[in-house]
């Protein structure tokens, strides 16, 4: 007999009005303990105090319990989940939050559709966690980069936490990149509040066509960028205010040959320009001719080294 069938028999036995059978069926003790537990009665009474159930509703539920007909589905649910669910307020506080984890491997991109109508586009080597509840929608970006197209909900904000930074919106489109020692934000539609997680952290408002970065606990003043141009989702990168080490990270997310960590001297080179990401070796060699480094092949990996004199 399946557990579901056993619960059904036990529920009918426990809620029967007439004399119960001589032998209790399997799981009868578990179901009876659930029905007799004070937590169930307390939860129903608390629900009534919040206005969700009237006194008549509670009386009707008690009567139904005695009759053992319509309450069978609720009894099976309680027996399956345990009395702790009632004690923890699932019934009182509404549905449980929707929680999900998404991640991509190096060289992989992924589109995610959320239950609220928002969509996410994950870059390679990215990991994030999503929690949707009745009051707010929250994403914890653990590593990598993601583009967010957020469905507008006036009473339920959408918050992205990346490192010590927090991005808060109602409905907009923006990109968040966890770079080395900083978090970069670029807004493509709408307006975003960007700052630290701490309540006393100063935040900035970033409109569409502007970007900012969070570094050292501070959100920097926004600067303009062309939001109509293609970005990493179409294999392009705008390197304005980007260091060579950050470009290496961006290329490594794309897959292809792994590029080894550049030296601090090379990694700190500030780049400026707009480049295609689909041919990393070619791109680095072209940049190297301008900035004085070479690309050395070591097996299946690439290493950046100062140009030979």
Protein backbone atom coordinates (compact mmCIF):
# COMPACT_ATOMS: atom_id res chain seq x y z
CA UNK A 1 0.00 0.00 0.00
CA UNK A 2 1.31 3.48 -0.89
CA UNK A 3 1.83 6.12 1.82
CA UNK A 4 -0.95 8.19 0.28
CA UNK A 5 -3.41 5.29 0.52
CA UNK A 6 -2.29 4.55 4.09
CA UNK A 7 -2.87 8.19 5.07
CA UNK A 8 -6.34 8.06 3.50
CA UNK A 9 -7.32 5.00 5.54
CA UNK A 10 -5.84 6.44 8.72
CA UNK A 11 -7.66 9.77 8.22
CA UNK A 12 -11.01 8.04 7.74
CA UNK A 13 -10.40 5.92 10.84
CA UNK A 14 -9.36 8.89 13.01
CA UNK A 15 -12.30 11.10 11.99
CA UNK A 16 -15.08 8.52 12.05
CA UNK A 17 -18.09 9.59 14.17
CA UNK A 18 -19.15 6.05 15.07
CA UNK A 19 -17.16 3.46 16.95
CA UNK A 20 -13.75 3.00 15.43
CA UNK A 21 -12.61 -0.34 14.04
CA UNK A 22 -11.04 -2.73 16.53
CA UNK A 23 -7.64 -2.55 14.83
CA UNK A 24 -6.12 0.81 13.97
CA UNK A 25 -4.78 1.02 10.39
CA UNK A 26 -1.15 1.92 9.63
CA UNK A 27 -0.26 5.60 10.28
CA UNK A 28 -3.36 6.04 12.45
CA UNK A 29 -1.29 7.26 15.39
CA UNK A 30 0.45 9.85 13.21
CA UNK A 31 -2.82 11.27 11.87
CA UNK A 32 -4.53 11.21 15.28
CA UNK A 33 -1.59 13.05 16.85
CA UNK A 34 -1.88 15.72 14.17
CA UNK A 35 -5.60 16.20 14.79
CA UNK A 36 -5.14 16.35 18.57
CA UNK A 37 -2.10 18.64 18.50
CA UNK A 38 -2.84 22.09 20.01
CA UNK A 39 -0.77 23.73 17.27
CA UNK A 40 -3.50 23.01 14.73
CA UNK A 41 -6.24 24.58 16.85
CA UNK A 42 -4.00 27.54 17.68
CA UNK A 43 -3.20 28.11 14.03
CA UNK A 44 -6.88 28.14 13.11
CA UNK A 45 -7.67 30.57 15.91
CA UNK A 46 -4.79 32.85 14.89
CA UNK A 47 -6.06 32.81 11.33
CA UNK A 48 -9.46 33.93 12.57
CA UNK A 49 -7.89 36.82 14.49
CA UNK A 50 -6.23 38.02 11.27
CA UNK A 51 -9.58 38.10 9.54
CA UNK A 52 -8.88 35.19 7.25
CA UNK A 53 -11.40 32.86 8.92
CA UNK A 54 -14.62 33.77 10.65
CA UNK A 55 -15.93 32.04 13.78
CA UNK A 56 -18.37 30.26 11.53
CA UNK A 57 -15.51 29.03 9.35
CA UNK A 58 -13.72 27.56 12.35
CA UNK A 59 -16.92 25.88 13.62
CA UNK A 60 -17.52 24.49 10.16
CA UNK A 61 -13.99 23.12 10.00
CA UNK A 62 -14.40 21.47 13.40
CA UNK A 63 -17.69 19.94 12.32
CA UNK A 64 -16.10 18.72 9.11
CA UNK A 65 -13.32 17.19 11.15
CA UNK A 66 -15.88 15.18 13.10
CA UNK A 67 -17.68 14.08 9.97
CA UNK A 68 -14.39 13.09 8.34
CA UNK A 69 -15.34 13.93 4.76
CA UNK A 70 -14.17 17.26 3.33
CA UNK A 71 -11.20 17.69 5.61
CA UNK A 72 -9.44 14.60 4.32
CA UNK A 73 -7.23 16.63 1.95
CA UNK A 74 -6.12 18.95 4.77
CA UNK A 75 -5.41 16.01 7.07
CA UNK A 76 -3.26 14.30 4.44
CA UNK A 77 -1.35 17.55 3.90
CA UNK A 78 -0.71 18.06 7.61
CA UNK A 79 0.28 14.43 8.12
CA UNK A 80 2.69 14.60 5.17
CA UNK A 81 4.35 17.89 6.11
CA UNK A 82 4.21 17.55 9.87
CA UNK A 83 2.68 19.70 12.56
CA UNK A 84 5.71 22.01 12.43
CA UNK A 85 4.30 23.61 9.29
CA UNK A 86 1.30 24.88 11.24
CA UNK A 87 3.47 26.05 14.12
CA UNK A 88 5.80 27.91 11.74
CA UNK A 89 2.93 29.91 10.30
CA UNK A 90 2.62 28.53 6.76
CA UNK A 91 -1.15 28.55 7.00
CA UNK A 92 -1.31 31.87 8.81
CA UNK A 93 1.21 33.81 6.72
CA UNK A 94 0.28 32.65 3.24
CA UNK A 95 2.21 30.60 0.69
CA UNK A 96 5.84 29.73 1.23
CA UNK A 97 8.42 31.75 -0.77
CA UNK A 98 9.58 30.46 -4.14
CA UNK A 99 13.30 29.74 -3.84
CA UNK A 100 15.55 28.66 -6.72
CA UNK A 101 19.25 28.42 -7.55
CA UNK A 102 20.69 28.99 -11.03
CA UNK A 103 24.23 28.80 -12.29
CA UNK A 104 26.22 28.49 -15.49
CA UNK A 105 29.54 26.95 -16.32
CA UNK A 106 32.35 28.71 -18.11
CA UNK A 107 31.38 29.22 -21.76
CA UNK A 108 27.66 28.75 -21.02
CA UNK A 109 24.87 31.33 -21.07
CA UNK A 110 21.36 30.74 -19.76
CA UNK A 111 17.98 32.45 -19.91
CA UNK A 112 15.72 32.12 -16.86
CA UNK A 113 12.02 33.05 -16.67
CA UNK A 114 10.84 33.82 -13.13
CA UNK A 115 7.33 33.22 -11.80
CA UNK A 116 6.68 36.99 -11.55
CA UNK A 117 7.27 37.53 -15.28
CA UNK A 118 10.84 38.81 -14.92
CA UNK A 119 13.60 37.32 -17.05
CA UNK A 120 17.30 36.85 -16.32
CA UNK A 121 20.15 36.25 -18.73
CA UNK A 122 23.16 34.66 -17.03
CA UNK A 123 26.67 35.08 -18.38
CA UNK A 124 29.18 32.25 -18.13
CA UNK A 125 30.60 31.18 -14.73
CA UNK A 126 27.68 32.84 -12.93
CA UNK A 127 25.80 31.73 -9.81
CA UNK A 128 22.74 33.30 -8.19
CA UNK A 129 19.84 32.51 -5.87
CA UNK A 130 16.29 33.81 -6.31
CA UNK A 131 13.65 34.24 -3.58
CA UNK A 132 10.14 35.42 -4.46
CA UNK A 133 7.68 36.06 -1.63
CA UNK A 134 4.59 38.19 -1.06
CA UNK A 135 6.52 41.30 -0.01
CA UNK A 136 9.55 41.44 -2.28
CA UNK A 137 11.63 39.67 -4.92
CA UNK A 138 15.30 39.14 -4.13
CA UNK A 139 18.32 37.83 -6.02
CA UNK A 140 21.68 37.07 -4.43
CA UNK A 141 24.36 37.23 -7.12
CA UNK A 142 27.13 35.00 -5.78
CA UNK A 143 29.52 35.41 -8.70
CA UNK A 144 29.56 36.37 -12.36
CA UNK A 145 27.25 38.64 -14.32
CA UNK A 146 23.55 38.73 -15.15
CA UNK A 147 21.18 40.92 -17.13
CA UNK A 148 17.82 41.53 -15.43
CA UNK A 149 14.58 42.46 -17.19
CA UNK A 150 12.24 43.03 -14.26
CA UNK A 151 8.44 42.89 -14.43
CA UNK A 152 6.91 45.99 -12.86
CA UNK A 153 5.13 45.44 -9.54
CA UNK A 154 4.43 48.62 -7.61
CA UNK A 155 4.08 46.95 -4.20
CA UNK A 156 6.77 44.28 -4.54
CA UNK A 157 10.30 45.62 -5.12
CA UNK A 158 13.00 43.62 -6.88
CA UNK A 159 16.37 43.64 -5.07
CA UNK A 160 19.70 42.32 -6.31
CA UNK A 161 22.43 41.82 -3.71
CA UNK A 162 25.96 41.39 -5.04
CA UNK A 163 28.77 41.41 -2.51
CA UNK A 164 28.12 44.37 -0.21
CA UNK A 165 26.03 46.19 -2.82
CA UNK A 166 22.27 46.39 -3.23
CA UNK A 167 20.29 47.28 -6.35
CA UNK A 168 16.62 48.09 -5.80
CA UNK A 169 13.99 48.48 -8.54
CA UNK A 170 10.30 48.06 -9.27
CA UNK A 171 10.44 47.37 -12.99
CA UNK A 172 13.42 48.02 -15.26
CA UNK A 173 16.27 46.40 -17.20
CA UNK A 174 19.86 46.47 -15.99
CA UNK A 175 23.10 44.51 -15.82
CA UNK A 176 25.08 43.62 -12.67
CA UNK A 177 28.68 42.41 -12.91
CA UNK A 178 30.67 41.15 -9.91
CA UNK A 179 34.10 42.28 -11.04
CA UNK A 180 37.35 42.19 -9.06
CA UNK A 181 36.86 44.15 -5.85
CA UNK A 182 33.82 45.98 -7.19
CA UNK A 183 30.29 45.57 -8.51
CA UNK A 184 29.40 47.22 -11.81
CA UNK A 185 25.89 48.33 -12.73
CA UNK A 186 24.58 49.42 -16.13
CA UNK A 187 20.93 50.50 -16.57
CA UNK A 188 19.19 49.92 -19.90
CA UNK A 189 15.61 50.86 -19.03
CA UNK A 190 13.93 52.59 -16.12
CA UNK A 191 15.72 53.80 -13.01
CA UNK A 192 17.69 51.99 -10.27
CA UNK A 193 18.64 52.74 -6.67
CA UNK A 194 22.22 51.51 -6.18
CA UNK A 195 24.23 51.44 -2.97
CA UNK A 196 25.37 49.33 -0.05
CA UNK A 197 23.42 46.74 1.89
CA UNK A 198 23.91 48.73 5.09
CA UNK A 199 21.08 51.15 5.84
CA UNK A 200 23.53 53.99 6.47
CA UNK A 201 25.33 53.45 3.15
CA UNK A 202 24.98 56.28 0.64
CA UNK A 203 23.18 55.23 -2.52
CA UNK A 204 22.87 56.80 -5.95
CA UNK A 205 20.00 56.85 -8.42
CA UNK A 206 21.04 55.52 -11.82
CA UNK A 207 18.75 56.21 -14.81
CA UNK A 208 18.71 54.45 -18.18
CA UNK A 209 21.84 55.08 -20.22
CA UNK A 210 24.00 55.53 -17.13
CA UNK A 211 26.21 53.17 -15.14
CA UNK A 212 27.89 53.11 -11.76
CA UNK A 213 30.20 50.92 -9.69
CA UNK A 214 30.28 49.99 -6.03
CA UNK A 215 33.77 49.88 -4.58
CA UNK A 216 35.15 50.24 -1.08
CA UNK A 217 31.66 50.50 0.38
CA UNK A 218 30.77 53.46 -1.87
CA UNK A 219 28.53 53.76 -4.93
CA UNK A 220 30.29 56.06 -7.39
CA UNK A 221 28.59 58.86 -9.29
CA UNK A 222 26.95 57.54 -12.49
CA UNK A 223 28.55 58.06 -15.89
CA UNK A 224 26.97 57.87 -19.32
CA UNK A 225 27.18 54.96 -21.76
CA UNK A 226 25.39 54.05 -24.99
CA UNK A 227 22.64 51.63 -23.92
CA UNK A 228 21.62 51.06 -27.56
CA UNK A 229 24.88 49.31 -28.43
CA UNK A 230 25.27 45.55 -28.27
CA UNK A 231 26.93 44.17 -25.14
CA UNK A 232 28.26 40.84 -23.82
CA UNK A 233 25.00 39.14 -24.74
CA UNK A 234 25.94 39.71 -28.39
CA UNK A 235 29.70 39.07 -27.85
CA UNK A 236 30.72 42.71 -27.46
CA UNK A 237 32.47 44.54 -24.63
CA UNK A 238 32.90 48.25 -23.93
CA UNK A 239 36.24 48.57 -22.13
CA UNK A 240 35.92 52.20 -21.03
CA UNK A 241 37.09 52.31 -17.41
CA UNK A 242 38.01 48.59 -17.58
CA UNK A 243 41.31 47.07 -16.49
CA UNK A 244 43.06 44.34 -18.44
CA UNK A 245 42.44 41.90 -15.57
CA UNK A 246 38.69 42.54 -15.87
CA UNK A 247 38.83 41.91 -19.61
CA UNK A 248 40.59 38.60 -18.92
CA UNK A 249 37.74 37.64 -16.57
CA UNK A 250 35.16 38.60 -19.21
CA UNK A 251 36.93 36.49 -21.83
CA UNK A 252 37.26 33.52 -19.50
CA UNK A 253 33.51 33.53 -18.92
CA UNK A 254 33.07 33.03 -22.67
CA UNK A 255 34.90 29.72 -22.81
CA UNK A 256 37.73 28.99 -25.24
CA UNK A 257 41.33 28.75 -24.04
CA UNK A 258 41.77 29.64 -20.37
CA UNK A 259 43.73 32.87 -19.91
CA UNK A 260 46.03 32.76 -16.91
CA UNK A 261 46.02 35.45 -14.26
CA UNK A 262 48.05 38.44 -15.54
CA UNK A 263 50.71 40.01 -13.38
CA UNK A 264 49.58 42.98 -11.24
CA UNK A 265 51.45 45.36 -13.54
CA UNK A 266 49.70 44.05 -16.67
CA UNK A 267 46.36 43.46 -14.99
CA UNK A 268 46.11 47.10 -13.87
CA UNK A 269 46.44 48.50 -17.43
CA UNK A 270 43.40 50.70 -18.08
CA UNK A 271 41.78 49.95 -21.43
CA UNK A 272 39.57 52.06 -23.64
CA UNK A 273 37.71 50.82 -26.68
CA UNK A 274 34.99 48.53 -27.94
CA UNK A 275 35.87 44.97 -28.87
CA UNK A 276 34.37 41.72 -30.11
CA UNK A 277 34.71 38.83 -27.64
CA UNK A 278 34.38 35.84 -29.96
CA UNK A 279 38.13 35.53 -30.76
CA UNK A 280 39.99 36.06 -27.47
CA UNK A 281 43.48 35.22 -28.70
CA UNK A 282 43.21 37.60 -31.63
CA UNK A 283 41.76 40.33 -29.44
CA UNK A 284 44.49 40.09 -26.79
CA UNK A 285 47.23 40.16 -29.39
CA UNK A 286 45.77 43.29 -30.97
CA UNK A 287 45.51 45.00 -27.58
CA UNK A 288 49.01 43.80 -26.69
CA UNK A 289 50.56 45.56 -29.66
CA UNK A 290 49.19 48.85 -28.29
CA UNK A 291 49.82 48.31 -24.57
CA UNK A 292 53.14 46.46 -24.74
CA UNK A 293 52.44 42.82 -23.91
CA UNK A 294 52.40 39.54 -25.81
CA UNK A 295 50.24 36.44 -25.74
CA UNK A 296 52.11 33.21 -25.08
CA UNK A 297 50.50 29.82 -25.68
CA UNK A 298 51.16 27.28 -22.93
CA UNK A 299 49.47 24.02 -23.85
CA UNK A 300 45.74 24.78 -23.94
CA UNK A 301 46.15 28.02 -21.95
CA UNK A 302 47.20 31.56 -22.74
CA UNK A 303 49.60 33.69 -20.71
CA UNK A 304 50.13 37.44 -20.97
CA UNK A 305 53.76 38.54 -20.71
CA UNK A 306 55.62 41.82 -21.21
CA UNK A 307 56.64 42.34 -24.84
CA UNK A 308 60.21 41.34 -25.65
CA UNK A 309 62.48 44.33 -26.15
